[in-house]
Amino acid sequence: MERFVLWLGRAAGLLGLVLVAVGAAVRLAGSYWLGGFQAGTLLLAGIASMTFGCFCMLSMLAQRAR
């Protein structure tokens, strides 16, 4: 279970990083939309994904401290 949560945290963080980078690039290019999604929605989804990844990593740190 520990390995799964660690893997899930890393994957969520990486996905969030990609979403934020794509959303920022689209917005900096002057467009508000990408494939039916607003650039702000991509940024928000990326931030949520990175936050979830941080919580997974925090959970692992808390379990190892016991």
PDB file of N, CA and C in Angstrom:
ATOM      1  N   MET A   1       0.829  -1.196   0.000  1.00  0.00           N
ATOM      2  CA  MET A   1       0.000   0.000   0.000  1.00  0.00           C
ATOM      3  C   MET A   1       0.877   1.265   0.000  1.00  0.00           C
ATOM      4  N   GLU A   2       1.988   1.218   0.739  1.00  0.00           N
ATOM      5  CA  GLU A   2       2.860   2.393   0.791  1.00  0.00           C
ATOM      6  C   GLU A   2       3.408   2.738  -0.594  1.00  0.00           C
ATOM      7  N   ARG A   3       3.819   1.731  -1.328  1.00  0.00           N
ATOM      8  CA  ARG A   3       4.369   1.979  -2.659  1.00  0.00           C
ATOM      9  C   ARG A   3       3.312   2.562  -3.589  1.00  0.00           C
ATOM     10  N   PHE A   4       2.076   2.099  -3.449  1.00  0.00           N
ATOM     11  CA  PHE A   4       1.002   2.613  -4.297  1.00  0.00           C
ATOM     12  C   PHE A   4       0.742   4.089  -4.014  1.00  0.00           C
ATOM     13  N   VAL A   5       0.681   4.463  -2.739  1.00  0.00           N
ATOM     14  CA  VAL A   5       0.424   5.865  -2.377  1.00  0.00           C
ATOM     15  C   VAL A   5       1.596   6.738  -2.831  1.00  0.00           C
ATOM     16  N   LEU A   6       2.813   6.245  -2.689  1.00  0.00           N
ATOM     17  CA  LEU A   6       3.981   6.994  -3.143  1.00  0.00           C
ATOM     18  C   LEU A   6       3.944   7.173  -4.656  1.00  0.00           C
ATOM     19  N   TRP A   7       3.637   6.108  -5.379  1.00  0.00           N
ATOM     20  CA  TRP A   7       3.536   6.182  -6.844  1.00  0.00           C
ATOM     21  C   TRP A   7       2.410   7.120  -7.257  1.00  0.00           C
ATOM     22  N   LEU A   8       1.275   7.031  -6.560  1.00  0.00           N
ATOM     23  CA  LEU A   8       0.125   7.885  -6.858  1.00  0.00           C
ATOM     24  C   LEU A   8       0.468   9.361  -6.630  1.00  0.00           C
ATOM     25  N   GLY A   9       1.181   9.658  -5.573  1.00  0.00           N
ATOM     26  CA  GLY A   9       1.585  11.031  -5.295  1.00  0.00           C
ATOM     27  C   GLY A   9       2.507  11.581  -6.362  1.00  0.00           C
ATOM     28  N   ARG A  10       3.467  10.771  -6.783  1.00  0.00           N
ATOM     29  CA  ARG A  10       4.389  11.223  -7.829  1.00  0.00           C
ATOM     30  C   ARG A  10       3.666  11.428  -9.156  1.00  0.00           C
ATOM     31  N   ALA A  11       2.782  10.511  -9.506  1.00  0.00           N
ATOM     32  CA  ALA A  11       2.046  10.616 -10.761  1.00  0.00           C
ATOM     33  C   ALA A  11       1.119  11.836 -10.754  1.00  0.00           C
ATOM     34  N   ALA A  12       0.442  12.062  -9.637  1.00  0.00           N
ATOM     35  CA  ALA A  12      -0.457  13.214  -9.542  1.00  0.00           C
ATOM     36  C   ALA A  12       0.323  14.521  -9.630  1.00  0.00           C
ATOM     37  N   GLY A  13       1.476  14.571  -8.990  1.00  0.00           N
ATOM     38  CA  GLY A  13       2.304  15.774  -9.065  1.00  0.00           C
ATOM     39  C   GLY A  13       2.793  16.045 -10.472  1.00  0.00           C
ATOM     40  N   LEU A  14       3.215  15.000 -11.158  1.00  0.00           N
ATOM     41  CA  LEU A  14       3.693  15.160 -12.530  1.00  0.00           C
ATOM     42  C   LEU A  14       2.558  15.577 -13.464  1.00  0.00           C
ATOM     43  N   LEU A  15       1.400  14.964 -13.315  1.00  0.00           N
ATOM     44  CA  LEU A  15       0.240  15.345 -14.118  1.00  0.00           C
ATOM     45  C   LEU A  15      -0.137  16.803 -13.858  1.00  0.00           C
ATOM     46  N   GLY A  16      -0.110  17.208 -12.601  1.00  0.00           N
ATOM     47  CA  GLY A  16      -0.419  18.593 -12.259  1.00  0.00           C
ATOM     48  C   GLY A  16       0.563  19.570 -12.865  1.00  0.00           C
ATOM     49  N   LEU A  17       1.822  19.211 -12.842  1.00  0.00           N
ATOM     50  CA  LEU A  17       2.844  20.059 -13.435  1.00  0.00           C
ATOM     51  C   LEU A  17       2.614  20.235 -14.933  1.00  0.00           C
ATOM     52  N   VAL A  18       2.263  19.153 -15.605  1.00  0.00           N
ATOM     53  CA  VAL A  18       1.994  19.214 -17.050  1.00  0.00           C
ATOM     54  C   VAL A  18       0.765  20.073 -17.335  1.00  0.00           C
ATOM     55  N   LEU A  19      -0.290  19.886 -16.554  1.00  0.00           N
ATOM     56  CA  LEU A  19      -1.508  20.667 -16.769  1.00  0.00           C
ATOM     57  C   LEU A  19      -1.271  22.159 -16.548  1.00  0.00           C
ATOM     58  N   VAL A  20      -0.527  22.499 -15.507  1.00  0.00           N
ATOM     59  CA  VAL A  20      -0.239  23.912 -15.243  1.00  0.00           C
ATOM     60  C   VAL A  20       0.612  24.495 -16.361  1.00  0.00           C
ATOM     61  N   ALA A  21       1.604  23.738 -16.814  1.00  0.00           N
ATOM     62  CA  ALA A  21       2.462  24.234 -17.892  1.00  0.00           C
ATOM     63  C   ALA A  21       1.670  24.458 -19.181  1.00  0.00           C
ATOM     64  N   VAL A  22       0.791  23.528 -19.522  1.00  0.00           N
ATOM     65  CA  VAL A  22      -0.025  23.667 -20.730  1.00  0.00           C
ATOM     66  C   VAL A  22      -0.993  24.836 -20.584  1.00  0.00           C
ATOM     67  N   GLY A  23      -1.655  24.930 -19.441  1.00  0.00           N
ATOM     68  CA  GLY A  23      -2.595  26.032 -19.223  1.00  0.00           C
ATOM     69  C   GLY A  23      -1.915  27.391 -19.268  1.00  0.00           C
ATOM     70  N   ALA A  24      -0.730  27.480 -18.670  1.00  0.00           N
ATOM     71  CA  ALA A  24       0.004  28.746 -18.684  1.00  0.00           C
ATOM     72  C   ALA A  24       0.481  29.084 -20.092  1.00  0.00           C
ATOM     73  N   ALA A  25       0.952  28.089 -20.825  1.00  0.00           N
ATOM     74  CA  ALA A  25       1.424  28.341 -22.187  1.00  0.00           C
ATOM     75  C   ALA A  25       0.285  28.807 -23.089  1.00  0.00           C
ATOM     76  N   VAL A  26      -0.878  28.192 -22.942  1.00  0.00           N
ATOM     77  CA  VAL A  26      -2.037  28.595 -23.745  1.00  0.00           C
ATOM     78  C   VAL A  26      -2.440  30.024 -23.412  1.00  0.00           C
ATOM     79  N   ARG A  27      -2.460  30.322 -22.121  1.00  0.00           N
ATOM     80  CA  ARG A  27      -2.864  31.668 -21.720  1.00  0.00           C
ATOM     81  C   ARG A  27      -1.840  32.713 -22.147  1.00  0.00           C
ATOM     82  N   LEU A  28      -0.563  32.402 -22.025  1.00  0.00           N
ATOM     83  CA  LEU A  28       0.475  33.352 -22.435  1.00  0.00           C
ATOM     84  C   LEU A  28       0.497  33.552 -23.945  1.00  0.00           C
ATOM     85  N   ALA A  29      -0.009  32.563 -24.676  1.00  0.00           N
ATOM     86  CA  ALA A  29      -0.087  32.695 -26.131  1.00  0.00           C
ATOM     87  C   ALA A  29      -1.261  33.581 -26.553  1.00  0.00           C
ATOM     88  N   GLY A  30      -2.084  33.979 -25.598  1.00  0.00           N
ATOM     89  CA  GLY A  30      -3.180  34.892 -25.902  1.00  0.00           C
ATOM     90  C   GLY A  30      -4.522  34.215 -26.122  1.00  0.00           C
ATOM     91  N   SER A  31      -4.588  32.924 -25.909  1.00  0.00           N
ATOM     92  CA  SER A  31      -5.839  32.197 -26.111  1.00  0.00           C
ATOM     93  C   SER A  31      -6.481  31.901 -24.756  1.00  0.00           C
ATOM     94  N   TYR A  32      -7.796  31.862 -24.749  1.00  0.00           N
ATOM     95  CA  TYR A  32      -8.517  31.529 -23.527  1.00  0.00           C
ATOM     96  C   TYR A  32      -9.006  30.079 -23.516  1.00  0.00           C
ATOM     97  N   TRP A  33      -9.004  29.423 -24.649  1.00  0.00           N
ATOM     98  CA  TRP A  33      -9.580  28.090 -24.782  1.00  0.00           C
ATOM     99  C   TRP A  33      -8.578  27.115 -25.394  1.00  0.00           C
ATOM    100  N   LEU A  34      -8.637  25.857 -24.955  1.00  0.00           N
ATOM    101  CA  LEU A  34      -7.852  24.777 -25.544  1.00  0.00           C
ATOM    102  C   LEU A  34      -8.705  23.518 -25.514  1.00  0.00           C
ATOM    103  N   GLY A  35      -9.143  23.096 -26.672  1.00  0.00           N
ATOM    104  CA  GLY A  35      -9.911  21.859 -26.765  1.00  0.00           C
ATOM    105  C   GLY A  35     -11.203  21.855 -25.966  1.00  0.00           C
ATOM    106  N   GLY A  36     -11.865  22.979 -25.896  1.00  0.00           N
ATOM    107  CA  GLY A  36     -13.133  23.050 -25.178  1.00  0.00           C
ATOM    108  C   GLY A  36     -12.983  23.367 -23.698  1.00  0.00           C
ATOM    109  N   PHE A  37     -11.753  23.501 -23.216  1.00  0.00           N
ATOM    110  CA  PHE A  37     -11.517  23.846 -21.813  1.00  0.00           C
ATOM    111  C   PHE A  37     -10.906  25.236 -21.735  1.00  0.00           C
ATOM    112  N   GLN A  38     -11.331  25.999 -20.753  1.00  0.00           N
ATOM    113  CA  GLN A  38     -10.717  27.297 -20.536  1.00  0.00           C
ATOM    114  C   GLN A  38      -9.333  27.106 -19.945  1.00  0.00           C
ATOM    115  N   ALA A  39      -8.438  28.028 -20.221  1.00  0.00           N
ATOM    116  CA  ALA A  39      -7.077  27.946 -19.691  1.00  0.00           C
ATOM    117  C   ALA A  39      -7.090  27.980 -18.165  1.00  0.00           C
ATOM    118  N   GLY A  40      -7.973  28.733 -17.588  1.00  0.00           N
ATOM    119  CA  GLY A  40      -8.095  28.787 -16.129  1.00  0.00           C
ATOM    120  C   GLY A  40      -8.510  27.458 -15.534  1.00  0.00           C
ATOM    121  N   THR A  41      -9.340  26.719 -16.243  1.00  0.00           N
ATOM    122  CA  THR A  41      -9.747  25.399 -15.783  1.00  0.00           C
ATOM    123  C   THR A  41      -8.567  24.440 -15.786  1.00  0.00           C
ATOM    124  N   LEU A  42      -7.724  24.518 -16.814  1.00  0.00           N
ATOM    125  CA  LEU A  42      -6.530  23.678 -16.854  1.00  0.00           C
ATOM    126  C   LEU A  42      -5.591  24.024 -15.708  1.00  0.00           C
ATOM    127  N   LEU A  43      -5.419  25.309 -15.439  1.00  0.00           N
ATOM    128  CA  LEU A  43      -4.575  25.723 -14.331  1.00  0.00           C
ATOM    129  C   LEU A  43      -5.127  25.228 -12.997  1.00  0.00           C
ATOM    130  N   LEU A  44      -6.418  25.350 -12.808  1.00  0.00           N
ATOM    131  CA  LEU A  44      -7.043  24.908 -11.564  1.00  0.00           C
ATOM    132  C   LEU A  44      -6.944  23.397 -11.391  1.00  0.00           C
ATOM    133  N   ALA A  45      -7.142  22.650 -12.468  1.00  0.00           N
ATOM    134  CA  ALA A  45      -7.011  21.194 -12.394  1.00  0.00           C
ATOM    135  C   ALA A  45      -5.574  20.792 -12.085  1.00  0.00           C
ATOM    136  N   GLY A  46      -4.619  21.509 -12.638  1.00  0.00           N
ATOM    137  CA  GLY A  46      -3.216  21.229 -12.355  1.00  0.00           C
ATOM    138  C   GLY A  46      -2.867  21.493 -10.905  1.00  0.00           C
ATOM    139  N   ILE A  47      -3.370  22.590 -10.373  1.00  0.00           N
ATOM    140  CA  ILE A  47      -3.120  22.920  -8.970  1.00  0.00           C
ATOM    141  C   ILE A  47      -3.762  21.877  -8.060  1.00  0.00           C
ATOM    142  N   ALA A  48      -4.960  21.443  -8.387  1.00  0.00           N
ATOM    143  CA  ALA A  48      -5.633  20.420  -7.588  1.00  0.00           C
ATOM    144  C   ALA A  48      -4.871  19.099  -7.629  1.00  0.00           C
ATOM    145  N   SER A  49      -4.362  18.743  -8.782  1.00  0.00           N
ATOM    146  CA  SER A  49      -3.602  17.512  -8.910  1.00  0.00           C
ATOM    147  C   SER A  49      -2.301  17.570  -8.115  1.00  0.00           C
ATOM    148  N   MET A  50      -1.608  18.698  -8.175  1.00  0.00           N
ATOM    149  CA  MET A  50      -0.375  18.839  -7.399  1.00  0.00           C
ATOM    150  C   MET A  50      -0.660  18.826  -5.895  1.00  0.00           C
ATOM    151  N   THR A  51      -1.766  19.416  -5.483  1.00  0.00           N
ATOM    152  CA  THR A  51      -2.148  19.394  -4.074  1.00  0.00           C
ATOM    153  C   THR A  51      -2.433  17.972  -3.616  1.00  0.00           C
ATOM    154  N   PHE A  52      -3.112  17.197  -4.428  1.00  0.00           N
ATOM    155  CA  PHE A  52      -3.379  15.801  -4.101  1.00  0.00           C
ATOM    156  C   PHE A  52      -2.069  15.016  -3.986  1.00  0.00           C
ATOM    157  N   GLY A  53      -1.146  15.280  -4.898  1.00  0.00           N
ATOM    158  CA  GLY A  53       0.159  14.631  -4.837  1.00  0.00           C
ATOM    159  C   GLY A  53       0.905  14.983  -3.560  1.00  0.00           C
ATOM    160  N   CYS A  54       0.820  16.248  -3.150  1.00  0.00           N
ATOM    161  CA  CYS A  54       1.461  16.676  -1.901  1.00  0.00           C
ATOM    162  C   CYS A  54       0.838  15.974  -0.695  1.00  0.00           C
ATOM    163  N   PHE A  55      -0.474  15.807  -0.698  1.00  0.00           N
ATOM    164  CA  PHE A  55      -1.120  15.100   0.405  1.00  0.00           C
ATOM    165  C   PHE A  55      -0.710  13.632   0.455  1.00  0.00           C
ATOM    166  N   CYS A  56      -0.538  13.016  -0.700  1.00  0.00           N
ATOM    167  CA  CYS A  56      -0.069  11.626  -0.728  1.00  0.00           C
ATOM    168  C   CYS A  56       1.343  11.525  -0.155  1.00  0.00           C
ATOM    169  N   MET A  57       2.218  12.439  -0.557  1.00  0.00           N
ATOM    170  CA  MET A  57       3.581  12.437  -0.039  1.00  0.00           C
ATOM    171  C   MET A  57       3.598  12.724   1.462  1.00  0.00           C
ATOM    172  N   LEU A  58       2.753  13.640   1.915  1.00  0.00           N
ATOM    173  CA  LEU A  58       2.663  13.946   3.338  1.00  0.00           C
ATOM    174  C   LEU A  58       2.184  12.730   4.123  1.00  0.00           C
ATOM    175  N   SER A  59       1.257  12.007   3.557  1.00  0.00           N
ATOM    176  CA  SER A  59       0.774  10.779   4.194  1.00  0.00           C
ATOM    177  C   SER A  59       1.908   9.773   4.351  1.00  0.00           C
ATOM    178  N   MET A  60       2.753   9.656   3.339  1.00  0.00           N
ATOM    179  CA  MET A  60       3.886   8.738   3.419  1.00  0.00           C
ATOM    180  C   MET A  60       4.882   9.176   4.491  1.00  0.00           C
ATOM    181  N   LEU A  61       5.154  10.476   4.574  1.00  0.00           N
ATOM    182  CA  LEU A  61       6.060  10.975   5.595  1.00  0.00           C
ATOM    183  C   LEU A  61       5.513  10.736   6.993  1.00  0.00           C
ATOM    184  N   ALA A  62       4.214  10.921   7.166  1.00  0.00           N
ATOM    185  CA  ALA A  62       3.601  10.698   8.473  1.00  0.00           C
ATOM    186  C   ALA A  62       3.640   9.221   8.860  1.00  0.00           C
ATOM    187  N   GLN A  63       3.464   8.321   7.893  1.00  0.00           N
ATOM    188  CA  GLN A  63       3.518   6.898   8.204  1.00  0.00           C
ATOM    189  C   GLN A  63       4.928   6.460   8.556  1.00  0.00           C
ATOM    190  N   ARG A  64       5.930   7.012   7.887  1.00  0.00           N
ATOM    191  CA  ARG A  64       7.322   6.631   8.152  1.00  0.00           C
ATOM    192  C   ARG A  64       7.807   7.164   9.487  1.00  0.00           C
ATOM    193  N   ALA A  65       7.209   8.254   9.977  1.00  0.00           N
ATOM    194  CA  ALA A  65       7.635   8.839  11.229  1.00  0.00           C
ATOM    195  C   ALA A  65       7.192   8.004  12.433  1.00  0.00           C
ATOM    196  N   ARG A  66       6.226   7.143  12.249  1.00  0.00           N
ATOM    197  CA  ARG A  66       5.717   6.332  13.363  1.00  0.00           C
ATOM    198  C   ARG A  66       6.653   5.274  13.740  1.00  0.00           C
TER     199      ARG A  66
END
